[in-house]
PDB file of N, CA and C in Angstrom:
ATOM      1  N   UNK A   1       0.852  -1.172   0.000  1.00  0.00           N
ATOM      2  CA  UNK A   1       0.000   0.000   0.000  1.00  0.00           C
ATOM      3  C   UNK A   1       0.896   1.232   0.000  1.00  0.00           C
ATOM      4  N   UNK A   2       0.433   2.293  -0.713  1.00  0.00           N
ATOM      5  CA  UNK A   2       1.210   3.523  -0.795  1.00  0.00           C
ATOM      6  C   UNK A   2       0.372   4.717  -0.369  1.00  0.00           C
ATOM      7  N   UNK A   3       1.056   5.737   0.177  1.00  0.00           N
ATOM      8  CA  UNK A   3       0.335   6.961   0.524  1.00  0.00           C
ATOM      9  C   UNK A   3       0.241   7.855  -0.711  1.00  0.00           C
ATOM     10  N   UNK A   4      -0.237   9.086  -0.557  1.00  0.00           N
ATOM     11  CA  UNK A   4      -0.426   9.996  -1.689  1.00  0.00           C
ATOM     12  C   UNK A   4       0.873  10.389  -2.365  1.00  0.00           C
ATOM     13  N   UNK A   5       1.991  10.189  -1.679  1.00  0.00           N
ATOM     14  CA  UNK A   5       3.288  10.584  -2.225  1.00  0.00           C
ATOM     15  C   UNK A   5       4.075   9.386  -2.749  1.00  0.00           C
ATOM     16  N   UNK A   6       3.467   8.212  -2.797  1.00  0.00           N
ATOM     17  CA  UNK A   6       4.131   7.027  -3.322  1.00  0.00           C
ATOM     18  C   UNK A   6       4.962   6.267  -2.306  1.00  0.00           C
ATOM     19  N   UNK A   7       5.010   6.736  -1.064  1.00  0.00           N
ATOM     20  CA  UNK A   7       5.781   6.048  -0.034  1.00  0.00           C
ATOM     21  C   UNK A   7       5.016   4.813   0.430  1.00  0.00           C
ATOM     22  N   UNK A   8       5.739   3.775   0.749  1.00  0.00           N
ATOM     23  CA  UNK A   8       5.112   2.528   1.196  1.00  0.00           C
ATOM     24  C   UNK A   8       4.610   2.672   2.624  1.00  0.00           C
ATOM     25  N   UNK A   9       3.377   2.218   2.855  1.00  0.00           N
ATOM     26  CA  UNK A   9       2.782   2.262   4.189  1.00  0.00           C
ATOM     27  C   UNK A   9       2.709   0.853   4.756  1.00  0.00           C
ATOM     28  N   UNK A  10       2.907   0.699   6.057  1.00  0.00           N
ATOM     29  CA  UNK A  10       2.778  -0.626   6.661  1.00  0.00           C
ATOM     30  C   UNK A  10       1.324  -1.090   6.613  1.00  0.00           C
ATOM     31  N   UNK A  11       1.115  -2.393   6.437  1.00  0.00           N
ATOM     32  CA  UNK A  11      -0.239  -2.935   6.461  1.00  0.00           C
ATOM     33  C   UNK A  11      -0.760  -2.881   7.886  1.00  0.00           C
ATOM     34  N   UNK A  12      -2.006  -2.515   8.041  1.00  0.00           N
ATOM     35  CA  UNK A  12      -2.619  -2.415   9.364  1.00  0.00           C
ATOM     36  C   UNK A  12      -3.924  -3.186   9.354  1.00  0.00           C
ATOM     37  N   UNK A  13      -4.232  -3.743  10.507  1.00  0.00           N
ATOM     38  CA  UNK A  13      -5.517  -4.404  10.638  1.00  0.00           C
ATOM     39  C   UNK A  13      -6.564  -3.317  10.795  1.00  0.00           C
ATOM     40  N   UNK A  14      -7.444  -3.210   9.856  1.00  0.00           N
ATOM     41  CA  UNK A  14      -8.441  -2.149   9.920  1.00  0.00           C
ATOM     42  C   UNK A  14      -9.566  -2.406   8.943  1.00  0.00           C
ATOM     43  N   UNK A  15     -10.432  -1.459   8.823  1.00  0.00           N
ATOM     44  CA  UNK A  15     -11.590  -1.542   7.942  1.00  0.00           C
ATOM     45  C   UNK A  15     -11.666  -0.270   7.104  1.00  0.00           C
ATOM     46  N   UNK A  16     -12.202  -0.407   5.925  1.00  0.00           N
ATOM     47  CA  UNK A  16     -12.472   0.736   5.064  1.00  0.00           C
ATOM     48  C   UNK A  16     -13.972   0.781   4.842  1.00  0.00           C
ATOM     49  N   UNK A  17     -14.580   1.933   5.101  1.00  0.00           N
ATOM     50  CA  UNK A  17     -16.007   2.120   4.898  1.00  0.00           C
ATOM     51  C   UNK A  17     -16.221   3.298   3.968  1.00  0.00           C
ATOM     52  N   UNK A  18     -17.243   3.195   3.146  1.00  0.00           N
ATOM     53  CA  UNK A  18     -17.671   4.313   2.314  1.00  0.00           C
ATOM     54  C   UNK A  18     -18.960   4.834   2.935  1.00  0.00           C
ATOM     55  N   UNK A  19     -18.932   6.082   3.377  1.00  0.00           N
ATOM     56  CA  UNK A  19     -20.066   6.712   4.043  1.00  0.00           C
ATOM     57  C   UNK A  19     -20.576   7.850   3.166  1.00  0.00           C
ATOM     58  N   UNK A  20     -21.866   7.850   2.887  1.00  0.00           N
ATOM     59  CA  UNK A  20     -22.500   8.933   2.140  1.00  0.00           C
ATOM     60  C   UNK A  20     -23.577   9.533   3.035  1.00  0.00           C
ATOM     61  N   UNK A  21     -23.557  10.861   3.192  1.00  0.00           N
ATOM     62  CA  UNK A  21     -24.489  11.565   4.066  1.00  0.00           C
ATOM     63  C   UNK A  21     -25.094  12.716   3.269  1.00  0.00           C
ATOM     64  N   UNK A  22     -26.420  12.916   3.421  1.00  0.00           N
ATOM     65  CA  UNK A  22     -27.087  14.003   2.713  1.00  0.00           C
ATOM     66  C   UNK A  22     -28.318  14.451   3.485  1.00  0.00           C
ATOM     67  N   UNK A  23     -28.797  15.650   3.156  1.00  0.00           N
ATOM     68  CA  UNK A  23     -30.050  16.186   3.696  1.00  0.00           C
ATOM     69  C   UNK A  23     -31.187  15.771   2.778  1.00  0.00           C
ATOM     70  N   UNK A  24     -32.304  15.414   3.373  1.00  0.00           N
ATOM     71  CA  UNK A  24     -33.491  15.078   2.586  1.00  0.00           C
ATOM     72  C   UNK A  24     -34.680  15.812   3.186  1.00  0.00           C
ATOM     73  N   UNK A  25     -35.422  16.512   2.355  1.00  0.00           N
ATOM     74  CA  UNK A  25     -36.583  17.259   2.834  1.00  0.00           C
ATOM     75  C   UNK A  25     -37.735  16.301   3.107  1.00  0.00           C
ATOM     76  N   UNK A  26     -38.382  16.471   4.241  1.00  0.00           N
ATOM     77  CA  UNK A  26     -39.579  15.698   4.564  1.00  0.00           C
ATOM     78  C   UNK A  26     -40.763  16.363   3.854  1.00  0.00           C
ATOM     79  N   UNK A  27     -41.624  15.580   3.250  1.00  0.00           N
ATOM     80  CA  UNK A  27     -42.735  16.151   2.488  1.00  0.00           C
ATOM     81  C   UNK A  27     -43.761  16.851   3.373  1.00  0.00           C
ATOM     82  N   UNK A  28     -43.907  16.407   4.616  1.00  0.00           N
ATOM     83  CA  UNK A  28     -44.938  16.974   5.488  1.00  0.00           C
ATOM     84  C   UNK A  28     -44.445  18.160   6.328  1.00  0.00           C
ATOM     85  N   UNK A  29     -43.147  18.388   6.371  1.00  0.00           N
ATOM     86  CA  UNK A  29     -42.604  19.488   7.177  1.00  0.00           C
ATOM     87  C   UNK A  29     -41.499  20.195   6.394  1.00  0.00           C
ATOM     88  N   UNK A  30     -41.217  21.438   6.767  1.00  0.00           N
ATOM     89  CA  UNK A  30     -40.124  22.151   6.094  1.00  0.00           C
ATOM     90  C   UNK A  30     -38.737  21.713   6.596  1.00  0.00           C
ATOM     91  N   UNK A  31     -38.696  20.868   7.615  1.00  0.00           N
ATOM     92  CA  UNK A  31     -37.415  20.428   8.167  1.00  0.00           C
ATOM     93  C   UNK A  31     -36.727  19.455   7.227  1.00  0.00           C
ATOM     94  N   UNK A  32     -35.423  19.485   7.261  1.00  0.00           N
ATOM     95  CA  UNK A  32     -34.635  18.544   6.455  1.00  0.00           C
ATOM     96  C   UNK A  32     -33.995  17.526   7.383  1.00  0.00           C
ATOM     97  N   UNK A  33     -34.048  16.287   7.008  1.00  0.00           N
ATOM     98  CA  UNK A  33     -33.495  15.205   7.807  1.00  0.00           C
ATOM     99  C   UNK A  33     -32.193  14.707   7.181  1.00  0.00           C
ATOM    100  N   UNK A  34     -31.241  14.335   8.024  1.00  0.00           N
ATOM    101  CA  UNK A  34     -30.019  13.709   7.546  1.00  0.00           C
ATOM    102  C   UNK A  34     -30.316  12.254   7.210  1.00  0.00           C
ATOM    103  N   UNK A  35     -29.781  11.775   6.112  1.00  0.00           N
ATOM    104  CA  UNK A  35     -29.862  10.375   5.704  1.00  0.00           C
ATOM    105  C   UNK A  35     -28.433   9.900   5.467  1.00  0.00           C
ATOM    106  N   UNK A  36     -28.238   8.586   5.452  1.00  0.00           N
ATOM    107  CA  UNK A  36     -26.889   8.054   5.243  1.00  0.00           C
ATOM    108  C   UNK A  36     -26.946   6.667   4.624  1.00  0.00           C
ATOM    109  N   UNK A  37     -25.891   6.341   3.881  1.00  0.00           N
ATOM    110  CA  UNK A  37     -25.644   4.970   3.464  1.00  0.00           C
ATOM    111  C   UNK A  37     -24.225   4.633   3.886  1.00  0.00           C
ATOM    112  N   UNK A  38     -24.009   3.377   4.178  1.00  0.00           N
ATOM    113  CA  UNK A  38     -22.696   2.906   4.621  1.00  0.00           C
ATOM    114  C   UNK A  38     -22.407   1.593   3.921  1.00  0.00           C
ATOM    115  N   UNK A  39     -21.184   1.470   3.404  1.00  0.00           N
ATOM    116  CA  UNK A  39     -20.770   0.250   2.730  1.00  0.00           C
ATOM    117  C   UNK A  39     -19.363  -0.099   3.197  1.00  0.00           C
ATOM    118  N   UNK A  40     -19.132  -1.363   3.529  1.00  0.00           N
ATOM    119  CA  UNK A  40     -17.782  -1.783   3.890  1.00  0.00           C
ATOM    120  C   UNK A  40     -17.022  -2.044   2.602  1.00  0.00           C
ATOM    121  N   UNK A  41     -15.907  -1.333   2.432  1.00  0.00           N
ATOM    122  CA  UNK A  41     -15.134  -1.445   1.200  1.00  0.00           C
ATOM    123  C   UNK A  41     -15.929  -0.906   0.027  1.00  0.00           C
ATOM    124  N   UNK A  42     -15.534  -1.317  -1.179  1.00  0.00           N
ATOM    125  CA  UNK A  42     -16.244  -0.850  -2.367  1.00  0.00           C
ATOM    126  C   UNK A  42     -17.243  -1.871  -2.879  1.00  0.00           C
ATOM    127  N   UNK A  43     -17.193  -3.092  -2.357  1.00  0.00           N
ATOM    128  CA  UNK A  43     -18.078  -4.141  -2.852  1.00  0.00           C
ATOM    129  C   UNK A  43     -19.004  -4.713  -1.785  1.00  0.00           C
ATOM    130  N   UNK A  44     -18.938  -4.197  -0.572  1.00  0.00           N
ATOM    131  CA  UNK A  44     -19.773  -4.710   0.510  1.00  0.00           C
ATOM    132  C   UNK A  44     -21.234  -4.327   0.340  1.00  0.00           C
ATOM    133  N   UNK A  45     -22.058  -4.915   1.177  1.00  0.00           N
ATOM    134  CA  UNK A  45     -23.490  -4.618   1.154  1.00  0.00           C
ATOM    135  C   UNK A  45     -23.720  -3.165   1.569  1.00  0.00           C
ATOM    136  N   UNK A  46     -24.567  -2.458   0.830  1.00  0.00           N
ATOM    137  CA  UNK A  46     -24.895  -1.077   1.164  1.00  0.00           C
ATOM    138  C   UNK A  46     -26.060  -1.084   2.144  1.00  0.00           C
ATOM    139  N   UNK A  47     -25.896  -0.347   3.236  1.00  0.00           N
ATOM    140  CA  UNK A  47     -26.956  -0.222   4.234  1.00  0.00           C
ATOM    141  C   UNK A  47     -27.452   1.213   4.241  1.00  0.00           C
ATOM    142  N   UNK A  48     -28.758   1.371   4.347  1.00  0.00           N
ATOM    143  CA  UNK A  48     -29.391   2.688   4.347  1.00  0.00           C
ATOM    144  C   UNK A  48     -29.859   3.022   5.760  1.00  0.00           C
ATOM    145  N   UNK A  49     -29.702   4.299   6.141  1.00  0.00           N
ATOM    146  CA  UNK A  49     -30.080   4.735   7.479  1.00  0.00           C
ATOM    147  C   UNK A  49     -30.951   5.987   7.387  1.00  0.00           C
ATOM    148  N   UNK A  50     -31.995   6.021   8.207  1.00  0.00           N
ATOM    149  CA  UNK A  50     -32.916   7.153   8.230  1.00  0.00           C
ATOM    150  C   UNK A  50     -32.383   8.309   9.069  1.00  0.00           C
ATOM    151  N   UNK A  51     -31.314   8.057   9.831  1.00  0.00           N
ATOM    152  CA  UNK A  51     -30.727   9.130  10.635  1.00  0.00           C
ATOM    153  C   UNK A  51     -29.234   8.870  10.826  1.00  0.00           C
ATOM    154  N   UNK A  52     -28.525   9.930  11.137  1.00  0.00           N
ATOM    155  CA  UNK A  52     -27.091   9.812  11.421  1.00  0.00           C
ATOM    156  C   UNK A  52     -26.880   8.976  12.681  1.00  0.00           C
ATOM    157  N   UNK A  53     -27.747   9.164  13.680  1.00  0.00           N
ATOM    158  CA  UNK A  53     -27.621   8.389  14.913  1.00  0.00           C
ATOM    159  C   UNK A  53     -27.705   6.890  14.639  1.00  0.00           C
ATOM    160  N   UNK A  54     -28.636   6.474  13.787  1.00  0.00           N
ATOM    161  CA  UNK A  54     -28.751   5.055  13.437  1.00  0.00           C
ATOM    162  C   UNK A  54     -27.488   4.546  12.752  1.00  0.00           C
ATOM    163  N   UNK A  55     -26.935   5.354  11.879  1.00  0.00           N
ATOM    164  CA  UNK A  55     -25.720   4.970  11.156  1.00  0.00           C
ATOM    165  C   UNK A  55     -24.538   4.822  12.116  1.00  0.00           C
ATOM    166  N   UNK A  56     -24.353   5.796  12.989  1.00  0.00           N
ATOM    167  CA  UNK A  56     -23.244   5.752  13.945  1.00  0.00           C
ATOM    168  C   UNK A  56     -23.404   4.572  14.898  1.00  0.00           C
ATOM    169  N   UNK A  57     -24.615   4.305  15.343  1.00  0.00           N
ATOM    170  CA  UNK A  57     -24.864   3.164  16.221  1.00  0.00           C
ATOM    171  C   UNK A  57     -24.504   1.850  15.526  1.00  0.00           C
ATOM    172  N   UNK A  58     -24.887   1.717  14.271  1.00  0.00           N
ATOM    173  CA  UNK A  58     -24.543   0.510  13.514  1.00  0.00           C
ATOM    174  C   UNK A  58     -23.032   0.379  13.345  1.00  0.00           C
ATOM    175  N   UNK A  59     -22.378   1.458  12.954  1.00  0.00           N
ATOM    176  CA  UNK A  59     -20.934   1.441  12.742  1.00  0.00           C
ATOM    177  C   UNK A  59     -20.190   1.115  14.029  1.00  0.00           C
ATOM    178  N   UNK A  60     -20.608   1.680  15.140  1.00  0.00           N
ATOM    179  CA  UNK A  60     -19.993   1.386  16.429  1.00  0.00           C
ATOM    180  C   UNK A  60     -20.141  -0.101  16.757  1.00  0.00           C
ATOM    181  N   UNK A  61     -21.331  -0.653  16.552  1.00  0.00           N
ATOM    182  CA  UNK A  61     -21.549  -2.073  16.788  1.00  0.00           C
ATOM    183  C   UNK A  61     -20.656  -2.947  15.928  1.00  0.00           C
ATOM    184  N   UNK A  62     -20.464  -2.570  14.667  1.00  0.00           N
ATOM    185  CA  UNK A  62     -19.587  -3.329  13.769  1.00  0.00           C
ATOM    186  C   UNK A  62     -18.146  -3.313  14.273  1.00  0.00           C
ATOM    187  N   UNK A  63     -17.680  -2.160  14.702  1.00  0.00           N
ATOM    188  CA  UNK A  63     -16.296  -2.027  15.113  1.00  0.00           C
ATOM    189  C   UNK A  63     -16.023  -2.717  16.459  1.00  0.00           C
ATOM    190  N   UNK A  64     -16.975  -2.663  17.363  1.00  0.00           N
ATOM    191  CA  UNK A  64     -16.796  -3.301  18.665  1.00  0.00           C
ATOM    192  C   UNK A  64     -16.798  -4.820  18.515  1.00  0.00           C
ATOM    193  N   UNK A  65     -17.643  -5.306  17.599  1.00  0.00           N
ATOM    194  CA  UNK A  65     -17.774  -6.747  17.402  1.00  0.00           C
ATOM    195  C   UNK A  65     -16.536  -7.381  16.781  1.00  0.00           C
ATOM    196  N   UNK A  66     -15.755  -6.613  16.043  1.00  0.00           N
ATOM    197  CA  UNK A  66     -14.594  -7.182  15.361  1.00  0.00           C
ATOM    198  C   UNK A  66     -13.394  -6.963  16.168  1.00  0.00           C
TER     199      UNK A  66
END
């Protein structure tokens, strides 16, 4: 593995997640809600979350379990 400058980095035990976060307007109210998707790596299962709190709770559970 290499960093942005081409230098070799040591392999580490870790995880890579792709997190996407956006605002979504609720049709019944003028408030905007945060939504999120989370995927482990680039080919893992994509999970959808109705709130940031739900996403963080899931991610914390994944990391504690491993």
